Amino acid sequence: MISRTEKVTTEKFNIFLEGRPVAVKASRYQTHNNEIRFRVSINDSPVYIFAYDESLNKAIAIDQSSAIAAISPYIEEEIGSRLAAAA
């Protein structure tokens, strides 16, 4: 588990959708029961929560808000694959 004194780093990367860059910021953290989660912002959006799914070997969006439906499935897939390396 990440301790309170351990510095959380934010990974920044771009994904290209139809030739346009999509800026992604993701911060990894662990829940109290040691599940790996990510706080993800897309183009400076409010934060979405992604969780690492071992059976899929990638991170998936688990946010319950209706805003998550606005994320392109391609973007979610790319973010999930990219974050799997950090998990």
PDB file of N, CA and C in Angstrom:
ATOM      1  N   MET A   1       0.843  -1.174   0.000  1.00  0.00           N
ATOM      2  CA  MET A   1       0.000   0.000   0.000  1.00  0.00           C
ATOM      3  C   MET A   1       0.891   1.241   0.000  1.00  0.00           C
ATOM      4  N   ILE A   2       0.487   2.254  -0.727  1.00  0.00           N
ATOM      5  CA  ILE A   2       1.237   3.499  -0.755  1.00  0.00           C
ATOM      6  C   ILE A   2       1.034   4.201   0.580  1.00  0.00           C
ATOM      7  N   SER A   3       2.132   4.511   1.242  1.00  0.00           N
ATOM      8  CA  SER A   3       2.020   5.176   2.539  1.00  0.00           C
ATOM      9  C   SER A   3       1.716   6.653   2.342  1.00  0.00           C
ATOM     10  N   ARG A   4       1.280   7.276   3.402  1.00  0.00           N
ATOM     11  CA  ARG A   4       0.956   8.700   3.318  1.00  0.00           C
ATOM     12  C   ARG A   4       2.183   9.548   3.010  1.00  0.00           C
ATOM     13  N   THR A   5       3.355   9.039   3.336  1.00  0.00           N
ATOM     14  CA  THR A   5       4.566   9.806   3.084  1.00  0.00           C
ATOM     15  C   THR A   5       5.139   9.543   1.696  1.00  0.00           C
ATOM     16  N   GLU A   6       4.676   8.488   1.033  1.00  0.00           N
ATOM     17  CA  GLU A   6       5.174   8.186  -0.302  1.00  0.00           C
ATOM     18  C   GLU A   6       4.547   9.149  -1.307  1.00  0.00           C
ATOM     19  N   LYS A   7       5.367   9.711  -2.167  1.00  0.00           N
ATOM     20  CA  LYS A   7       4.888  10.688  -3.132  1.00  0.00           C
ATOM     21  C   LYS A   7       4.131  10.004  -4.269  1.00  0.00           C
ATOM     22  N   VAL A   8       2.954  10.510  -4.569  1.00  0.00           N
ATOM     23  CA  VAL A   8       2.170  10.004  -5.683  1.00  0.00           C
ATOM     24  C   VAL A   8       2.587  10.789  -6.919  1.00  0.00           C
ATOM     25  N   THR A   9       2.936  10.077  -7.971  1.00  0.00           N
ATOM     26  CA  THR A   9       3.326  10.748  -9.199  1.00  0.00           C
ATOM     27  C   THR A   9       2.193  10.664 -10.210  1.00  0.00           C
ATOM     28  N   THR A  10       2.120  11.662 -11.036  1.00  0.00           N
ATOM     29  CA  THR A  10       1.109  11.708 -12.082  1.00  0.00           C
ATOM     30  C   THR A  10       1.778  11.442 -13.414  1.00  0.00           C
ATOM     31  N   GLU A  11       1.263  10.444 -14.118  1.00  0.00           N
ATOM     32  CA  GLU A  11       1.766  10.127 -15.452  1.00  0.00           C
ATOM     33  C   GLU A  11       0.964  10.947 -16.454  1.00  0.00           C
ATOM     34  N   LYS A  12       1.658  11.562 -17.394  1.00  0.00           N
ATOM     35  CA  LYS A  12       1.002  12.356 -18.435  1.00  0.00           C
ATOM     36  C   LYS A  12       1.357  11.756 -19.786  1.00  0.00           C
ATOM     37  N   PHE A  13       0.340  11.571 -20.629  1.00  0.00           N
ATOM     38  CA  PHE A  13       0.590  11.046 -21.967  1.00  0.00           C
ATOM     39  C   PHE A  13      -0.532  11.493 -22.899  1.00  0.00           C
ATOM     40  N   ASN A  14      -0.289  11.358 -24.196  1.00  0.00           N
ATOM     41  CA  ASN A  14      -1.277  11.715 -25.211  1.00  0.00           C
ATOM     42  C   ASN A  14      -1.742  10.471 -25.942  1.00  0.00           C
ATOM     43  N   ILE A  15      -3.009  10.468 -26.281  1.00  0.00           N
ATOM     44  CA  ILE A  15      -3.607   9.455 -27.142  1.00  0.00           C
ATOM     45  C   ILE A  15      -4.161  10.219 -28.335  1.00  0.00           C
ATOM     46  N   PHE A  16      -4.029   9.644 -29.511  1.00  0.00           N
ATOM     47  CA  PHE A  16      -4.522  10.342 -30.697  1.00  0.00           C
ATOM     48  C   PHE A  16      -5.834   9.724 -31.162  1.00  0.00           C
ATOM     49  N   LEU A  17      -6.851  10.571 -31.283  1.00  0.00           N
ATOM     50  CA  LEU A  17      -8.173  10.154 -31.736  1.00  0.00           C
ATOM     51  C   LEU A  17      -8.511  10.967 -32.972  1.00  0.00           C
ATOM     52  N   GLU A  18      -8.645  10.288 -34.097  1.00  0.00           N
ATOM     53  CA  GLU A  18      -8.936  10.941 -35.375  1.00  0.00           C
ATOM     54  C   GLU A  18      -7.939  12.053 -35.666  1.00  0.00           C
ATOM     55  N   GLY A  19      -6.673  11.790 -35.371  1.00  0.00           N
ATOM     56  CA  GLY A  19      -5.606  12.741 -35.660  1.00  0.00           C
ATOM     57  C   GLY A  19      -5.439  13.860 -34.649  1.00  0.00           C
ATOM     58  N   ARG A  20      -6.304  13.914 -33.643  1.00  0.00           N
ATOM     59  CA  ARG A  20      -6.208  14.967 -32.626  1.00  0.00           C
ATOM     60  C   ARG A  20      -5.675  14.377 -31.334  1.00  0.00           C
ATOM     61  N   PRO A  21      -4.763  15.106 -30.668  1.00  0.00           N
ATOM     62  CA  PRO A  21      -4.238  14.588 -29.398  1.00  0.00           C
ATOM     63  C   PRO A  21      -5.254  14.745 -28.268  1.00  0.00           C
ATOM     64  N   VAL A  22      -5.296  13.743 -27.417  1.00  0.00           N
ATOM     65  CA  VAL A  22      -6.119  13.761 -26.211  1.00  0.00           C
ATOM     66  C   VAL A  22      -5.146  13.662 -25.043  1.00  0.00           C
ATOM     67  N   ALA A  23      -5.097  14.698 -24.209  1.00  0.00           N
ATOM     68  CA  ALA A  23      -4.161  14.733 -23.083  1.00  0.00           C
ATOM     69  C   ALA A  23      -4.743  13.966 -21.901  1.00  0.00           C
ATOM     70  N   VAL A  24      -3.942  13.044 -21.362  1.00  0.00           N
ATOM     71  CA  VAL A  24      -4.375  12.208 -20.244  1.00  0.00           C
ATOM     72  C   VAL A  24      -3.413  12.395 -19.080  1.00  0.00           C
ATOM     73  N   LYS A  25      -3.971  12.569 -17.873  1.00  0.00           N
ATOM     74  CA  LYS A  25      -3.186  12.603 -16.638  1.00  0.00           C
ATOM     75  C   LYS A  25      -3.735  11.501 -15.743  1.00  0.00           C
ATOM     76  N   ALA A  26      -2.853  10.671 -15.216  1.00  0.00           N
ATOM     77  CA  ALA A  26      -3.295   9.551 -14.376  1.00  0.00           C
ATOM     78  C   ALA A  26      -2.408   9.431 -13.149  1.00  0.00           C
ATOM     79  N   SER A  27      -3.039   9.305 -11.988  1.00  0.00           N
ATOM     80  CA  SER A  27      -2.326   9.120 -10.721  1.00  0.00           C
ATOM     81  C   SER A  27      -2.739   7.788 -10.118  1.00  0.00           C
ATOM     82  N   ARG A  28      -1.754   6.955  -9.812  1.00  0.00           N
ATOM     83  CA  ARG A  28      -1.997   5.626  -9.247  1.00  0.00           C
ATOM     84  C   ARG A  28      -2.141   5.735  -7.730  1.00  0.00           C
ATOM     85  N   TYR A  29      -3.054   4.939  -7.169  1.00  0.00           N
ATOM     86  CA  TYR A  29      -3.173   4.826  -5.715  1.00  0.00           C
ATOM     87  C   TYR A  29      -3.726   3.450  -5.371  1.00  0.00           C
ATOM     88  N   GLN A  30      -3.652   3.086  -4.096  1.00  0.00           N
ATOM     89  CA  GLN A  30      -4.210   1.823  -3.623  1.00  0.00           C
ATOM     90  C   GLN A  30      -5.307   2.111  -2.620  1.00  0.00           C
ATOM     91  N   THR A  31      -6.350   1.305  -2.672  1.00  0.00           N
ATOM     92  CA  THR A  31      -7.431   1.428  -1.704  1.00  0.00           C
ATOM     93  C   THR A  31      -7.007   0.765  -0.400  1.00  0.00           C
ATOM     94  N   HIS A  32      -7.830   0.890   0.623  1.00  0.00           N
ATOM     95  CA  HIS A  32      -7.514   0.294   1.927  1.00  0.00           C
ATOM     96  C   HIS A  32      -7.392  -1.225   1.848  1.00  0.00           C
ATOM     97  N   ASN A  33      -8.017  -1.849   0.831  1.00  0.00           N
ATOM     98  CA  ASN A  33      -7.901  -3.305   0.685  1.00  0.00           C
ATOM     99  C   ASN A  33      -6.940  -3.692  -0.447  1.00  0.00           C
ATOM    100  N   ASN A  34      -5.993  -2.798  -0.732  1.00  0.00           N
ATOM    101  CA  ASN A  34      -4.879  -3.022  -1.666  1.00  0.00           C
ATOM    102  C   ASN A  34      -5.276  -3.176  -3.128  1.00  0.00           C
ATOM    103  N   GLU A  35      -6.438  -2.681  -3.522  1.00  0.00           N
ATOM    104  CA  GLU A  35      -6.800  -2.672  -4.940  1.00  0.00           C
ATOM    105  C   GLU A  35      -6.123  -1.474  -5.600  1.00  0.00           C
ATOM    106  N   ILE A  36      -5.634  -1.677  -6.807  1.00  0.00           N
ATOM    107  CA  ILE A  36      -4.973  -0.599  -7.539  1.00  0.00           C
ATOM    108  C   ILE A  36      -6.027   0.201  -8.293  1.00  0.00           C
ATOM    109  N   ARG A  37      -5.991   1.514  -8.096  1.00  0.00           N
ATOM    110  CA  ARG A  37      -6.910   2.432  -8.771  1.00  0.00           C
ATOM    111  C   ARG A  37      -6.111   3.573  -9.381  1.00  0.00           C
ATOM    112  N   PHE A  38      -6.744   4.276 -10.305  1.00  0.00           N
ATOM    113  CA  PHE A  38      -6.137   5.431 -10.951  1.00  0.00           C
ATOM    114  C   PHE A  38      -7.148   6.566 -10.989  1.00  0.00           C
ATOM    115  N   ARG A  39      -6.685   7.761 -10.676  1.00  0.00           N
ATOM    116  CA  ARG A  39      -7.475   8.972 -10.887  1.00  0.00           C
ATOM    117  C   ARG A  39      -7.049   9.483 -12.262  1.00  0.00           C
ATOM    118  N   VAL A  40      -8.005   9.594 -13.182  1.00  0.00           N
ATOM    119  CA  VAL A  40      -7.685   9.926 -14.569  1.00  0.00           C
ATOM    120  C   VAL A  40      -8.439  11.176 -14.992  1.00  0.00           C
ATOM    121  N   SER A  41      -7.712  12.112 -15.587  1.00  0.00           N
ATOM    122  CA  SER A  41      -8.309  13.312 -16.162  1.00  0.00           C
ATOM    123  C   SER A  41      -8.005  13.310 -17.660  1.00  0.00           C
ATOM    124  N   ILE A  42      -9.026  13.559 -18.460  1.00  0.00           N
ATOM    125  CA  ILE A  42      -8.889  13.562 -19.913  1.00  0.00           C
ATOM    126  C   ILE A  42      -9.134  14.982 -20.398  1.00  0.00           C
ATOM    127  N   ASN A  43      -8.125  15.578 -21.033  1.00  0.00           N
ATOM    128  CA  ASN A  43      -8.214  16.975 -21.484  1.00  0.00           C
ATOM    129  C   ASN A  43      -8.675  17.897 -20.355  1.00  0.00           C
ATOM    130  N   ASP A  44      -8.059  17.738 -19.178  1.00  0.00           N
ATOM    131  CA  ASP A  44      -8.362  18.547 -17.996  1.00  0.00           C
ATOM    132  C   ASP A  44      -9.812  18.427 -17.524  1.00  0.00           C
ATOM    133  N   SER A  45     -10.425  17.280 -17.771  1.00  0.00           N
ATOM    134  CA  SER A  45     -11.792  17.021 -17.311  1.00  0.00           C
ATOM    135  C   SER A  45     -11.788  16.757 -15.810  1.00  0.00           C
ATOM    136  N   PRO A  46     -12.972  16.695 -15.209  1.00  0.00           N
ATOM    137  CA  PRO A  46     -13.027  16.191 -13.832  1.00  0.00           C
ATOM    138  C   PRO A  46     -12.445  14.775 -13.803  1.00  0.00           C
ATOM    139  N   VAL A  47     -12.126  14.297 -12.637  1.00  0.00           N
ATOM    140  CA  VAL A  47     -11.440  13.008 -12.487  1.00  0.00           C
ATOM    141  C   VAL A  47     -12.405  11.836 -12.649  1.00  0.00           C
ATOM    142  N   TYR A  48     -11.951  10.840 -13.411  1.00  0.00           N
ATOM    143  CA  TYR A  48     -12.630   9.550 -13.536  1.00  0.00           C
ATOM    144  C   TYR A  48     -11.804   8.532 -12.767  1.00  0.00           C
ATOM    145  N   ILE A  49     -12.454   7.508 -12.247  1.00  0.00           N
ATOM    146  CA  ILE A  49     -11.743   6.462 -11.520  1.00  0.00           C
ATOM    147  C   ILE A  49     -11.648   5.217 -12.401  1.00  0.00           C
ATOM    148  N   PHE A  50     -10.428   4.723 -12.552  1.00  0.00           N
ATOM    149  CA  PHE A  50     -10.158   3.479 -13.269  1.00  0.00           C
ATOM    150  C   PHE A  50      -9.608   2.486 -12.257  1.00  0.00           C
ATOM    151  N   ALA A  51      -9.970   1.215 -12.410  1.00  0.00           N
ATOM    152  CA  ALA A  51      -9.469   0.152 -11.535  1.00  0.00           C
ATOM    153  C   ALA A  51      -8.748  -0.882 -12.385  1.00  0.00           C
ATOM    154  N   TYR A  52      -7.683  -1.454 -11.838  1.00  0.00           N
ATOM    155  CA  TYR A  52      -6.952  -2.496 -12.547  1.00  0.00           C
ATOM    156  C   TYR A  52      -7.713  -3.808 -12.429  1.00  0.00           C
ATOM    157  N   ASP A  53      -8.001  -4.430 -13.567  1.00  0.00           N
ATOM    158  CA  ASP A  53      -8.706  -5.713 -13.612  1.00  0.00           C
ATOM    159  C   ASP A  53      -7.714  -6.779 -14.062  1.00  0.00           C
ATOM    160  N   GLU A  54      -7.331  -7.663 -13.141  1.00  0.00           N
ATOM    161  CA  GLU A  54      -6.330  -8.688 -13.450  1.00  0.00           C
ATOM    162  C   GLU A  54      -6.798  -9.645 -14.532  1.00  0.00           C
ATOM    163  N   SER A  55      -8.086  -9.959 -14.584  1.00  0.00           N
ATOM    164  CA  SER A  55      -8.574 -10.905 -15.588  1.00  0.00           C
ATOM    165  C   SER A  55      -8.490 -10.328 -16.999  1.00  0.00           C
ATOM    166  N   LEU A  56      -8.603  -9.013 -17.132  1.00  0.00           N
ATOM    167  CA  LEU A  56      -8.489  -8.355 -18.436  1.00  0.00           C
ATOM    168  C   LEU A  56      -7.086  -7.832 -18.701  1.00  0.00           C
ATOM    169  N   ASN A  57      -6.263  -7.802 -17.656  1.00  0.00           N
ATOM    170  CA  ASN A  57      -4.901  -7.273 -17.720  1.00  0.00           C
ATOM    171  C   ASN A  57      -4.872  -5.824 -18.207  1.00  0.00           C
ATOM    172  N   LYS A  58      -5.817  -5.035 -17.713  1.00  0.00           N
ATOM    173  CA  LYS A  58      -5.850  -3.608 -18.028  1.00  0.00           C
ATOM    174  C   LYS A  58      -6.695  -2.890 -16.992  1.00  0.00           C
ATOM    175  N   ALA A  59      -6.627  -1.587 -17.024  1.00  0.00           N
ATOM    176  CA  ALA A  59      -7.460  -0.771 -16.144  1.00  0.00           C
ATOM    177  C   ALA A  59      -8.756  -0.451 -16.885  1.00  0.00           C
ATOM    178  N   ILE A  60      -9.863  -0.464 -16.151  1.00  0.00           N
ATOM    179  CA  ILE A  60     -11.160  -0.155 -16.744  1.00  0.00           C
ATOM    180  C   ILE A  60     -11.828   0.958 -15.945  1.00  0.00           C
ATOM    181  N   ALA A  61     -12.642   1.756 -16.631  1.00  0.00           N
ATOM    182  CA  ALA A  61     -13.359   2.840 -15.956  1.00  0.00           C
ATOM    183  C   ALA A  61     -14.436   2.241 -15.067  1.00  0.00           C
ATOM    184  N   ILE A  62     -14.464   2.654 -13.806  1.00  0.00           N
ATOM    185  CA  ILE A  62     -15.478   2.147 -12.880  1.00  0.00           C
ATOM    186  C   ILE A  62     -16.331   3.272 -12.321  1.00  0.00           C
ATOM    187  N   ASP A  63     -16.108   4.473 -12.797  1.00  0.00           N
ATOM    188  CA  ASP A  63     -16.854   5.634 -12.328  1.00  0.00           C
ATOM    189  C   ASP A  63     -18.347   5.416 -12.576  1.00  0.00           C
ATOM    190  N   GLN A  64     -19.175   5.774 -11.632  1.00  0.00           N
ATOM    191  CA  GLN A  64     -20.620   5.574 -11.744  1.00  0.00           C
ATOM    192  C   GLN A  64     -21.345   6.777 -12.353  1.00  0.00           C
ATOM    193  N   SER A  65     -20.639   7.866 -12.599  1.00  0.00           N
ATOM    194  CA  SER A  65     -21.303   9.068 -13.107  1.00  0.00           C
ATOM    195  C   SER A  65     -21.704   8.892 -14.569  1.00  0.00           C
ATOM    196  N   SER A  66     -22.673   9.681 -14.993  1.00  0.00           N
ATOM    197  CA  SER A  66     -23.108   9.621 -16.388  1.00  0.00           C
ATOM    198  C   SER A  66     -22.047  10.189 -17.322  1.00  0.00           C
ATOM    199  N   ALA A  67     -21.126  10.970 -16.786  1.00  0.00           N
ATOM    200  CA  ALA A  67     -20.074  11.569 -17.611  1.00  0.00           C
ATOM    201  C   ALA A  67     -19.164  10.515 -18.224  1.00  0.00           C
ATOM    202  N   ILE A  68     -19.024   9.366 -17.571  1.00  0.00           N
ATOM    203  CA  ILE A  68     -18.144   8.320 -18.085  1.00  0.00           C
ATOM    204  C   ILE A  68     -18.645   7.813 -19.437  1.00  0.00           C
ATOM    205  N   ALA A  69     -19.948   7.910 -19.691  1.00  0.00           N
ATOM    206  CA  ALA A  69     -20.512   7.468 -20.966  1.00  0.00           C
ATOM    207  C   ALA A  69     -20.030   8.335 -22.123  1.00  0.00           C
ATOM    208  N   ALA A  70     -19.559   9.543 -21.819  1.00  0.00           N
ATOM    209  CA  ALA A  70     -19.081  10.448 -22.859  1.00  0.00           C
ATOM    210  C   ALA A  70     -17.689  10.081 -23.362  1.00  0.00           C
ATOM    211  N   ILE A  71     -16.994   9.201 -22.650  1.00  0.00           N
ATOM    212  CA  ILE A  71     -15.654   8.794 -23.071  1.00  0.00           C
ATOM    213  C   ILE A  71     -15.774   7.781 -24.199  1.00  0.00           C
ATOM    214  N   SER A  72     -15.055   8.031 -25.260  1.00  0.00           N
ATOM    215  CA  SER A  72     -15.019   7.093 -26.381  1.00  0.00           C
ATOM    216  C   SER A  72     -14.502   5.737 -25.908  1.00  0.00           C
ATOM    217  N   PRO A  73     -15.115   4.635 -26.354  1.00  0.00           N
ATOM    218  CA  PRO A  73     -14.602   3.309 -25.986  1.00  0.00           C
ATOM    219  C   PRO A  73     -13.142   3.130 -26.404  1.00  0.00           C
ATOM    220  N   TYR A  74     -12.751   3.739 -27.524  1.00  0.00           N
ATOM    221  CA  TYR A  74     -11.357   3.672 -27.969  1.00  0.00           C
ATOM    222  C   TYR A  74     -10.447   4.340 -26.941  1.00  0.00           C
ATOM    223  N   ILE A  75     -10.846   5.513 -26.450  1.00  0.00           N
ATOM    224  CA  ILE A  75     -10.044   6.233 -25.457  1.00  0.00           C
ATOM    225  C   ILE A  75      -9.943   5.416 -24.175  1.00  0.00           C
ATOM    226  N   GLU A  76     -11.066   4.854 -23.719  1.00  0.00           N
ATOM    227  CA  GLU A  76     -11.046   4.037 -22.508  1.00  0.00           C
ATOM    228  C   GLU A  76     -10.119   2.830 -22.685  1.00  0.00           C
ATOM    229  N   GLU A  77     -10.184   2.190 -23.842  1.00  0.00           N
ATOM    230  CA  GLU A  77      -9.333   1.024 -24.127  1.00  0.00           C
ATOM    231  C   GLU A  77      -7.854   1.410 -24.119  1.00  0.00           C
ATOM    232  N   GLU A  78      -7.520   2.515 -24.765  1.00  0.00           N
ATOM    233  CA  GLU A  78      -6.126   2.967 -24.824  1.00  0.00           C
ATOM    234  C   GLU A  78      -5.599   3.349 -23.440  1.00  0.00           C
ATOM    235  N   ILE A  79      -6.410   4.068 -22.675  1.00  0.00           N
ATOM    236  CA  ILE A  79      -5.999   4.443 -21.319  1.00  0.00           C
ATOM    237  C   ILE A  79      -5.808   3.189 -20.475  1.00  0.00           C
ATOM    238  N   GLY A  80      -6.763   2.266 -20.559  1.00  0.00           N
ATOM    239  CA  GLY A  80      -6.678   1.029 -19.788  1.00  0.00           C
ATOM    240  C   GLY A  80      -5.433   0.223 -20.089  1.00  0.00           C
ATOM    241  N   SER A  81      -5.097   0.119 -21.363  1.00  0.00           N
ATOM    242  CA  SER A  81      -3.889  -0.621 -21.748  1.00  0.00           C
ATOM    243  C   SER A  81      -2.633   0.086 -21.264  1.00  0.00           C
ATOM    244  N   ARG A  82      -2.622   1.392 -21.379  1.00  0.00           N
ATOM    245  CA  ARG A  82      -1.455   2.172 -20.961  1.00  0.00           C
ATOM    246  C   ARG A  82      -1.246   2.087 -19.444  1.00  0.00           C
ATOM    247  N   LEU A  83      -2.328   2.137 -18.691  1.00  0.00           N
ATOM    248  CA  LEU A  83      -2.228   2.091 -17.237  1.00  0.00           C
ATOM    249  C   LEU A  83      -1.875   0.698 -16.721  1.00  0.00           C
ATOM    250  N   ALA A  84      -2.159  -0.331 -17.502  1.00  0.00           N
ATOM    251  CA  ALA A  84      -1.817  -1.699 -17.088  1.00  0.00           C
ATOM    252  C   ALA A  84      -0.323  -1.825 -16.837  1.00  0.00           C
ATOM    253  N   ALA A  85       0.464  -1.112 -17.606  1.00  0.00           N
ATOM    254  CA  ALA A  85       1.921  -1.149 -17.425  1.00  0.00           C
ATOM    255  C   ALA A  85       2.329  -0.525 -16.092  1.00  0.00           C
ATOM    256  N   ALA A  86       1.526   0.414 -15.603  1.00  0.00           N
ATOM    257  CA  ALA A  86       1.843   1.087 -14.339  1.00  0.00           C
ATOM    258  C   ALA A  86       1.292   0.335 -13.131  1.00  0.00           C
ATOM    259  N   ALA A  87       0.428  -0.625 -13.380  1.00  0.00           N
ATOM    260  CA  ALA A  87      -0.202  -1.368 -12.273  1.00  0.00           C
ATOM    261  C   ALA A  87       0.680  -2.410 -11.715  1.00  0.00           C
TER     262      ALA A  87
END
